[in-house]
Amino acid sequence: MGPESNDDRVSVVVPVYNGERYVVASLRKIADYLAARGGEHELVVVDDGSDDGTLAAVRAFREDSPVKVVVVDLPDNRGKGFALRQGLGEARGELVLFTDADLAYPVANFTRVIDALQTGAELAIASRVHPESRYVTSPRFFRRIYTRHTLGRAFNLLTRFTLVPHVHDTQAGLKGFRARALARVLPHLTLERFSFDVELLVVARGLGLGLVEVPVTFEYQSEPSSIELGRDSVRMLTDLGKVAVRRLLGAYPSDPGKEP
């Protein structure tokens, strides 16, 4: 990692697709958070083949950012999982976090993930169902949030029984690694879209990595249409089946003492 590396250097990876309206505001908050920590940190932004002004907005932001910004430009939209794999591969921090571009998990949550990594965890993941977690939402979503939450819990219950026991929230969009742990996990990841997080956790478990779930404040400020929700649910179940088959065929590591 070079002479500048140390246990405090943080990389934050942010995949984004058609986020021209909000991405700069989110990146500003992340960059300001990292700058306030002091030291050498970086922000890795992956544009997942956007067809609006996202890429231009990110490049303009890079020019006056208070921290280093690495821009990864993907020519085609391949999905969040693929974008994250590219961004994580570019990260050079000793602690590597990834988060959603809309900052549904505000930057104050980063500190909990970083603290968990600095105190021994190899992988720290946000958990929206942790007893200390909190939801922040607009009153207009009160009637619909129950449906979304119930579907999410059903999916997680299925993954817990089939693939990742004891993990209470597989899909939260904020996770962090120690760099060495990330280097072991990354070569085994294959999914490009909806169940990237599940595959990541299956691999981490197979490698015997120490995992901690941390409480977060989650801002629920948007709601997909029922068509999108139904379509995404089908895709996630399909991806879940792919992970199950790959594990059955021995495609993932299963010996905690074995390096990839």
Foldseek 3Di string as FASTA:
>chain_A
DDPQADLPEEEEEEEDAQPVPQQLVLVQQQLVVVVVVDGAYEYEYEYQQHPDCPVVSLVVSCVPGPHHYHYHYDNHRQADLVRVLVRLVPDDHQKYKYAYSNPLFPPVVVVQQSVVVVVPAFKEAEDCPPPPAAEAEDPVCPVPVVVVVVLQQVVQVVCCVQANPPDRHQQHGMMMGRSVLCVQQSVLQDDRYDNSSSLSRNQSVLLVGGYHYDHTYGYDYDDDDPVVVVVSSVVNVVVVVVSSVCVVVVSHHRHNVDGD
